[in-house]
Amino acid sequence: MKSILAFTLVLFTVVANAQTLSGKRVSRDIPVSSFSALKAGGVVELKLVQSDKESVTVDADEALQGYVHIVNNGNTLEIDTRKLNNKHIKGNWKLYVTVHFRQLSKLSINTVGHVQNEGTLKFDNIKVDVSSVGNVDLKMDAQQLDLTSSSVGNIELAGSAAKATMRNSSVGNVRAEELKVKTMEVNNSGIGNMEINAENITSFQGSMLGKVRNRGQKVK
């Protein structure tokens, strides 16, 4: 009897958390107020586009559109699809969000999915926090970059920065050999490796697990 009850409970949970797709993909433009910081969480494929406008476009199955929560919280634009995390979905469930922005000072990524950008992003001072499962690929030119990574997925950076601080406590790797930096501070306490491209390393801390290589040479 207990086994039957347990099976019934599991079956009820699966059915309750199931989400049926409509089979019709819909692209929806969402109006937003001006923002200078972006915070993204949940199951989402995210694309960043720098332009002269600020807007969000959601491309997903019609049945999933209601799970996309987008709100302005002060100067931060928040994108949240975490209500989908426990859903059992079959079919083409991928949810794409494209964010057009003018300028960002902070980017927080806590997503399951790929994060990428279009073109080369131009920043003054940008702080990037990544704790994602999917990969993050960004190309940028910045005066100052502050990166904190505690992710499972890999991070790939390209472009240039006058100054950068990189802290990595990830399982995934930080591949920044295509990001040319003049002066850099490095702290790698993760399992993942770091590949960097710095003219001058002003501060370095490393562990015995993840390795750090600067332009192909091992950093002590």
C-alpha atoms as a PDB file:
ATOM      1  CA  MET A   1       0.000   0.000   0.000  1.00  0.00           C
ATOM      2  CA  LYS A   2       2.824   2.422   0.913  1.00  0.00           C
ATOM      3  CA  SER A   3       4.507   1.719  -2.428  1.00  0.00           C
ATOM      4  CA  ILE A   4       1.279   2.450  -4.291  1.00  0.00           C
ATOM      5  CA  LEU A   5       0.787   5.705  -2.379  1.00  0.00           C
ATOM      6  CA  ALA A   6       4.387   6.744  -3.028  1.00  0.00           C
ATOM      7  CA  PHE A   7       4.058   5.999  -6.744  1.00  0.00           C
ATOM      8  CA  THR A   8       0.766   7.891  -6.890  1.00  0.00           C
ATOM      9  CA  LEU A   9       2.370  10.902  -5.207  1.00  0.00           C
ATOM     10  CA  VAL A  10       5.293  10.903  -7.651  1.00  0.00           C
ATOM     11  CA  LEU A  11       2.924  10.548 -10.605  1.00  0.00           C
ATOM     12  CA  PHE A  12       0.784  13.411  -9.314  1.00  0.00           C
ATOM     13  CA  THR A  13       3.863  15.607  -8.905  1.00  0.00           C
ATOM     14  CA  VAL A  14       5.055  14.885 -12.451  1.00  0.00           C
ATOM     15  CA  VAL A  15       1.613  15.587 -13.914  1.00  0.00           C
ATOM     16  CA  ALA A  16       1.235  18.748 -11.836  1.00  0.00           C
ATOM     17  CA  ASN A  17       4.598  20.032 -13.033  1.00  0.00           C
ATOM     18  CA  ALA A  18       4.084  19.064 -16.665  1.00  0.00           C
ATOM     19  CA  GLN A  19       3.796  21.840 -19.230  1.00  0.00           C
ATOM     20  CA  THR A  20       2.216  21.198 -22.621  1.00  0.00           C
ATOM     21  CA  LEU A  21       3.514  23.285 -25.502  1.00  0.00           C
ATOM     22  CA  SER A  22       1.159  24.848 -28.020  1.00  0.00           C
ATOM     23  CA  GLY A  23       3.522  24.281 -30.953  1.00  0.00           C
ATOM     24  CA  LYS A  24       3.212  27.946 -31.913  1.00  0.00           C
ATOM     25  CA  ARG A  25       6.261  30.150 -31.374  1.00  0.00           C
ATOM     26  CA  VAL A  26       5.553  33.779 -30.578  1.00  0.00           C
ATOM     27  CA  SER A  27       7.883  36.793 -30.587  1.00  0.00           C
ATOM     28  CA  ARG A  28       6.817  39.443 -28.095  1.00  0.00           C
ATOM     29  CA  ASP A  29       8.272  42.924 -27.525  1.00  0.00           C
ATOM     30  CA  ILE A  30       8.173  44.068 -23.909  1.00  0.00           C
ATOM     31  CA  PRO A  31       8.446  47.781 -23.076  1.00  0.00           C
ATOM     32  CA  VAL A  32      10.906  48.609 -20.288  1.00  0.00           C
ATOM     33  CA  SER A  33      12.090  51.728 -18.500  1.00  0.00           C
ATOM     34  CA  SER A  34      15.669  52.964 -18.670  1.00  0.00           C
ATOM     35  CA  PHE A  35      18.210  50.762 -16.850  1.00  0.00           C
ATOM     36  CA  SER A  36      21.969  50.591 -16.233  1.00  0.00           C
ATOM     37  CA  ALA A  37      22.178  47.099 -14.685  1.00  0.00           C
ATOM     38  CA  LEU A  38      20.887  43.725 -15.876  1.00  0.00           C
ATOM     39  CA  LYS A  39      20.087  40.653 -13.780  1.00  0.00           C
ATOM     40  CA  ALA A  40      19.081  37.399 -15.495  1.00  0.00           C
ATOM     41  CA  GLY A  41      18.050  34.105 -13.883  1.00  0.00           C
ATOM     42  CA  GLY A  42      16.371  30.874 -14.903  1.00  0.00           C
ATOM     43  CA  VAL A  43      16.215  28.789 -18.065  1.00  0.00           C
ATOM     44  CA  VAL A  44      16.873  31.189 -20.916  1.00  0.00           C
ATOM     45  CA  GLU A  45      19.010  31.756 -24.008  1.00  0.00           C
ATOM     46  CA  LEU A  46      20.118  35.373 -23.586  1.00  0.00           C
ATOM     47  CA  LYS A  47      21.473  37.760 -26.227  1.00  0.00           C
ATOM     48  CA  LEU A  48      22.786  41.255 -25.457  1.00  0.00           C
ATOM     49  CA  VAL A  49      22.668  44.000 -28.080  1.00  0.00           C
ATOM     50  CA  GLN A  50      24.036  47.495 -27.485  1.00  0.00           C
ATOM     51  CA  SER A  51      22.051  50.147 -29.351  1.00  0.00           C
ATOM     52  CA  ASP A  52      20.363  53.529 -29.015  1.00  0.00           C
ATOM     53  CA  LYS A  53      17.209  51.969 -27.554  1.00  0.00           C
ATOM     54  CA  GLU A  54      16.261  49.916 -24.513  1.00  0.00           C
ATOM     55  CA  SER A  55      13.896  47.024 -25.123  1.00  0.00           C
ATOM     56  CA  VAL A  56      13.336  43.313 -24.570  1.00  0.00           C
ATOM     57  CA  THR A  57      12.120  40.712 -27.062  1.00  0.00           C
ATOM     58  CA  VAL A  58      10.958  37.269 -25.935  1.00  0.00           C
ATOM     59  CA  ASP A  59      10.797  34.441 -28.475  1.00  0.00           C
ATOM     60  CA  ALA A  60       9.208  31.267 -27.118  1.00  0.00           C
ATOM     61  CA  ASP A  61       6.363  28.827 -27.445  1.00  0.00           C
ATOM     62  CA  GLU A  62       3.085  30.598 -26.750  1.00  0.00           C
ATOM     63  CA  ALA A  63       2.476  28.416 -23.687  1.00  0.00           C
ATOM     64  CA  LEU A  64       5.765  29.539 -22.096  1.00  0.00           C
ATOM     65  CA  GLN A  65       5.385  33.287 -22.555  1.00  0.00           C
ATOM     66  CA  GLY A  66       3.628  33.640 -19.205  1.00  0.00           C
ATOM     67  CA  TYR A  67       6.642  32.203 -17.368  1.00  0.00           C
ATOM     68  CA  VAL A  68       8.893  35.090 -18.410  1.00  0.00           C
ATOM     69  CA  HIS A  69       8.999  37.689 -15.645  1.00  0.00           C
ATOM     70  CA  ILE A  70      10.581  41.005 -16.678  1.00  0.00           C
ATOM     71  CA  VAL A  71      10.523  44.015 -14.381  1.00  0.00           C
ATOM     72  CA  ASN A  72      12.403  47.235 -13.701  1.00  0.00           C
ATOM     73  CA  ASN A  73      13.671  47.304 -10.114  1.00  0.00           C
ATOM     74  CA  GLY A  74      15.251  50.712  -9.629  1.00  0.00           C
ATOM     75  CA  ASN A  75      18.026  51.005 -12.199  1.00  0.00           C
ATOM     76  CA  THR A  76      18.147  47.201 -12.654  1.00  0.00           C
ATOM     77  CA  LEU A  77      16.271  45.278 -15.326  1.00  0.00           C
ATOM     78  CA  GLU A  78      15.422  41.821 -13.978  1.00  0.00           C
ATOM     79  CA  ILE A  79      14.683  38.810 -16.182  1.00  0.00           C
ATOM     80  CA  ASP A  80      13.439  35.727 -14.345  1.00  0.00           C
ATOM     81  CA  THR A  81      12.191  32.418 -15.767  1.00  0.00           C
ATOM     82  CA  ARG A  82      12.890  30.288 -12.689  1.00  0.00           C
ATOM     83  CA  LYS A  83       9.248  29.138 -12.524  1.00  0.00           C
ATOM     84  CA  LEU A  84      10.208  26.865 -15.422  1.00  0.00           C
ATOM     85  CA  ASN A  85      12.991  25.154 -13.474  1.00  0.00           C
ATOM     86  CA  ASN A  86      10.770  22.340 -12.133  1.00  0.00           C
ATOM     87  CA  LYS A  87       8.581  21.961 -15.205  1.00  0.00           C
ATOM     88  CA  HIS A  88       8.657  18.819 -17.343  1.00  0.00           C
ATOM     89  CA  ILE A  89       8.570  20.083 -20.920  1.00  0.00           C
ATOM     90  CA  LYS A  90       8.719  18.092 -24.138  1.00  0.00           C
ATOM     91  CA  GLY A  91       9.366  19.568 -27.552  1.00  0.00           C
ATOM     92  CA  ASN A  92      10.981  22.824 -28.679  1.00  0.00           C
ATOM     93  CA  TRP A  93      10.912  24.529 -25.298  1.00  0.00           C
ATOM     94  CA  LYS A  94      13.898  26.860 -25.751  1.00  0.00           C
ATOM     95  CA  LEU A  95      13.179  30.380 -24.647  1.00  0.00           C
ATOM     96  CA  TYR A  96      15.127  33.229 -26.261  1.00  0.00           C
ATOM     97  CA  VAL A  97      15.406  36.698 -24.758  1.00  0.00           C
ATOM     98  CA  THR A  98      17.126  39.571 -26.564  1.00  0.00           C
ATOM     99  CA  VAL A  99      17.977  42.678 -24.548  1.00  0.00           C
ATOM    100  CA  HIS A 100      18.760  45.988 -26.236  1.00  0.00           C
ATOM    101  CA  PHE A 101      20.560  48.436 -23.953  1.00  0.00           C
ATOM    102  CA  ARG A 102      22.428  51.725 -24.143  1.00  0.00           C
ATOM    103  CA  GLN A 103      24.990  51.281 -21.361  1.00  0.00           C
ATOM    104  CA  LEU A 104      25.526  48.881 -18.458  1.00  0.00           C
ATOM    105  CA  SER A 105      27.544  49.175 -15.265  1.00  0.00           C
ATOM    106  CA  LYS A 106      26.615  45.732 -13.895  1.00  0.00           C
ATOM    107  CA  LEU A 107      25.670  42.368 -15.409  1.00  0.00           C
ATOM    108  CA  SER A 108      24.524  39.477 -13.194  1.00  0.00           C
ATOM    109  CA  ILE A 109      24.010  36.087 -14.854  1.00  0.00           C
ATOM    110  CA  ASN A 110      22.465  33.115 -13.040  1.00  0.00           C
ATOM    111  CA  THR A 111      21.047  31.186 -15.956  1.00  0.00           C
ATOM    112  CA  VAL A 112      20.747  27.739 -17.472  1.00  0.00           C
ATOM    113  CA  GLY A 113      21.430  28.435 -21.117  1.00  0.00           C
ATOM    114  CA  HIS A 114      23.807  30.235 -23.440  1.00  0.00           C
ATOM    115  CA  VAL A 115      24.581  33.943 -22.977  1.00  0.00           C
ATOM    116  CA  GLN A 116      26.117  35.844 -25.884  1.00  0.00           C
ATOM    117  CA  ASN A 117      26.223  39.283 -27.442  1.00  0.00           C
ATOM    118  CA  GLU A 118      26.009  40.879 -30.850  1.00  0.00           C
ATOM    119  CA  GLY A 119      28.972  42.884 -32.124  1.00  0.00           C
ATOM    120  CA  THR A 120      31.407  44.400 -29.611  1.00  0.00           C
ATOM    121  CA  LEU A 121      30.003  45.892 -26.407  1.00  0.00           C
ATOM    122  CA  LYS A 122      31.464  49.234 -25.276  1.00  0.00           C
ATOM    123  CA  PHE A 123      31.730  49.836 -21.532  1.00  0.00           C
ATOM    124  CA  ASP A 124      33.316  52.358 -19.209  1.00  0.00           C
ATOM    125  CA  ASN A 125      33.409  50.385 -15.954  1.00  0.00           C
ATOM    126  CA  ILE A 126      31.538  47.069 -16.009  1.00  0.00           C
ATOM    127  CA  LYS A 127      31.025  44.553 -13.211  1.00  0.00           C
ATOM    128  CA  VAL A 128      30.125  41.025 -14.349  1.00  0.00           C
ATOM    129  CA  ASP A 129      28.930  38.334 -11.909  1.00  0.00           C
ATOM    130  CA  VAL A 130      28.426  34.853 -13.383  1.00  0.00           C
ATOM    131  CA  SER A 131      26.990  31.824 -11.559  1.00  0.00           C
ATOM    132  CA  SER A 132      25.465  30.048 -14.537  1.00  0.00           C
ATOM    133  CA  VAL A 133      25.266  26.467 -15.759  1.00  0.00           C
ATOM    134  CA  GLY A 134      25.429  27.362 -19.445  1.00  0.00           C
ATOM    135  CA  ASN A 135      28.294  29.013 -21.293  1.00  0.00           C
ATOM    136  CA  VAL A 136      28.842  32.778 -21.423  1.00  0.00           C
ATOM    137  CA  ASP A 137      30.476  34.309 -24.529  1.00  0.00           C
ATOM    138  CA  LEU A 138      31.084  38.068 -24.474  1.00  0.00           C
ATOM    139  CA  LYS A 139      33.080  40.416 -26.693  1.00  0.00           C
ATOM    140  CA  MET A 140      33.731  43.844 -25.227  1.00  0.00           C
ATOM    141  CA  ASP A 141      35.939  46.903 -25.060  1.00  0.00           C
ATOM    142  CA  ALA A 142      36.060  48.309 -21.519  1.00  0.00           C
ATOM    143  CA  GLN A 143      38.039  50.788 -19.500  1.00  0.00           C
ATOM    144  CA  GLN A 144      37.683  48.584 -16.430  1.00  0.00           C
ATOM    145  CA  LEU A 145      36.287  45.053 -16.057  1.00  0.00           C
ATOM    146  CA  ASP A 146      35.487  43.408 -12.731  1.00  0.00           C
ATOM    147  CA  LEU A 147      34.639  39.712 -13.226  1.00  0.00           C
ATOM    148  CA  THR A 148      33.472  37.320 -10.514  1.00  0.00           C
ATOM    149  CA  SER A 149      32.752  33.763 -11.662  1.00  0.00           C
ATOM    150  CA  SER A 150      31.362  30.810  -9.701  1.00  0.00           C
ATOM    151  CA  SER A 151      29.796  28.944 -12.594  1.00  0.00           C
ATOM    152  CA  VAL A 152      29.612  25.411 -13.935  1.00  0.00           C
ATOM    153  CA  GLY A 153      29.698  26.529 -17.555  1.00  0.00           C
ATOM    154  CA  ASN A 154      32.640  28.102 -19.340  1.00  0.00           C
ATOM    155  CA  ILE A 155      33.219  31.829 -19.821  1.00  0.00           C
ATOM    156  CA  GLU A 156      34.793  33.099 -23.041  1.00  0.00           C
ATOM    157  CA  LEU A 157      35.879  36.739 -23.275  1.00  0.00           C
ATOM    158  CA  ALA A 158      37.285  38.672 -26.218  1.00  0.00           C
ATOM    159  CA  GLY A 159      38.111  42.291 -26.951  1.00  0.00           C
ATOM    160  CA  SER A 160      40.150  44.630 -24.750  1.00  0.00           C
ATOM    161  CA  ALA A 161      40.278  46.298 -21.336  1.00  0.00           C
ATOM    162  CA  ALA A 162      42.622  48.862 -19.848  1.00  0.00           C
ATOM    163  CA  LYS A 163      42.273  47.283 -16.407  1.00  0.00           C
ATOM    164  CA  ALA A 164      40.690  44.037 -15.222  1.00  0.00           C
ATOM    165  CA  THR A 165      40.103  42.168 -11.985  1.00  0.00           C
ATOM    166  CA  MET A 166      39.183  38.495 -12.354  1.00  0.00           C
ATOM    167  CA  ARG A 167      38.043  36.226  -9.531  1.00  0.00           C
ATOM    168  CA  ASN A 168      37.271  32.633 -10.429  1.00  0.00           C
ATOM    169  CA  SER A 169      35.890  29.968  -8.087  1.00  0.00           C
ATOM    170  CA  SER A 170      34.228  27.965 -10.841  1.00  0.00           C
ATOM    171  CA  VAL A 171      34.094  24.402 -12.025  1.00  0.00           C
ATOM    172  CA  GLY A 172      34.024  25.795 -15.554  1.00  0.00           C
ATOM    173  CA  ASN A 173      36.940  27.475 -17.287  1.00  0.00           C
ATOM    174  CA  VAL A 174      37.577  31.157 -17.947  1.00  0.00           C
ATOM    175  CA  ARG A 175      38.922  31.519 -21.483  1.00  0.00           C
ATOM    176  CA  ALA A 176      40.030  35.124 -21.860  1.00  0.00           C
ATOM    177  CA  GLU A 177      43.111  34.766 -24.048  1.00  0.00           C
ATOM    178  CA  GLU A 178      41.337  36.868 -26.706  1.00  0.00           C
ATOM    179  CA  LEU A 179      40.710  39.691 -24.202  1.00  0.00           C
ATOM    180  CA  LYS A 180      43.773  41.956 -24.300  1.00  0.00           C
ATOM    181  CA  VAL A 181      44.289  43.631 -20.920  1.00  0.00           C
ATOM    182  CA  LYS A 182      46.955  46.160 -19.939  1.00  0.00           C
ATOM    183  CA  THR A 183      46.915  45.573 -16.157  1.00  0.00           C
ATOM    184  CA  MET A 184      45.177  42.717 -14.360  1.00  0.00           C
ATOM    185  CA  GLU A 185      44.553  41.336 -10.883  1.00  0.00           C
ATOM    186  CA  VAL A 186      43.887  37.575 -10.790  1.00  0.00           C
ATOM    187  CA  ASN A 187      42.439  35.305  -8.104  1.00  0.00           C
ATOM    188  CA  ASN A 188      41.746  31.712  -9.152  1.00  0.00           C
ATOM    189  CA  SER A 189      40.446  29.494  -6.345  1.00  0.00           C
ATOM    190  CA  GLY A 190      38.307  27.237  -8.524  1.00  0.00           C
ATOM    191  CA  ILE A 191      38.703  23.871 -10.180  1.00  0.00           C
ATOM    192  CA  GLY A 192      38.426  25.468 -13.598  1.00  0.00           C
ATOM    193  CA  ASN A 193      41.423  26.817 -15.487  1.00  0.00           C
ATOM    194  CA  MET A 194      42.025  30.390 -16.602  1.00  0.00           C
ATOM    195  CA  GLU A 195      43.543  31.542 -19.891  1.00  0.00           C
ATOM    196  CA  ILE A 196      44.318  35.268 -19.860  1.00  0.00           C
ATOM    197  CA  ASN A 197      46.137  37.848 -21.969  1.00  0.00           C
ATOM    198  CA  ALA A 198      47.632  40.528 -19.710  1.00  0.00           C
ATOM    199  CA  GLU A 199      50.574  42.848 -20.328  1.00  0.00           C
ATOM    200  CA  ASN A 200      51.075  43.255 -16.593  1.00  0.00           C
ATOM    201  CA  ILE A 201      49.741  41.186 -13.667  1.00  0.00           C
ATOM    202  CA  THR A 202      49.767  43.396 -10.566  1.00  0.00           C
ATOM    203  CA  SER A 203      48.286  40.835  -8.152  1.00  0.00           C
ATOM    204  CA  PHE A 204      47.970  37.046  -8.311  1.00  0.00           C
ATOM    205  CA  GLN A 205      46.441  34.379  -6.068  1.00  0.00           C
ATOM    206  CA  GLY A 206      46.003  30.796  -7.189  1.00  0.00           C
ATOM    207  CA  SER A 207      45.126  27.338  -5.926  1.00  0.00           C
ATOM    208  CA  MET A 208      46.598  23.907  -6.610  1.00  0.00           C
ATOM    209  CA  LEU A 209      43.497  22.925  -8.582  1.00  0.00           C
ATOM    210  CA  GLY A 210      42.769  25.309 -11.430  1.00  0.00           C
ATOM    211  CA  LYS A 211      45.710  26.494 -13.523  1.00  0.00           C
ATOM    212  CA  VAL A 212      46.323  30.010 -14.839  1.00  0.00           C
ATOM    213  CA  ARG A 213      48.163  30.673 -18.085  1.00  0.00           C
ATOM    214  CA  ASN A 214      48.990  34.142 -19.379  1.00  0.00           C
ATOM    215  CA  ARG A 215      49.442  34.252 -23.154  1.00  0.00           C
ATOM    216  CA  GLY A 216      50.366  30.575 -23.072  1.00  0.00           C
ATOM    217  CA  GLN A 217      52.795  30.825 -20.151  1.00  0.00           C
ATOM    218  CA  LYS A 218      52.038  29.363 -16.739  1.00  0.00           C
ATOM    219  CA  VAL A 219      51.573  31.960 -13.994  1.00  0.00           C
ATOM    220  CA  LYS A 220      53.195  31.037 -10.686  1.00  0.00           C
END
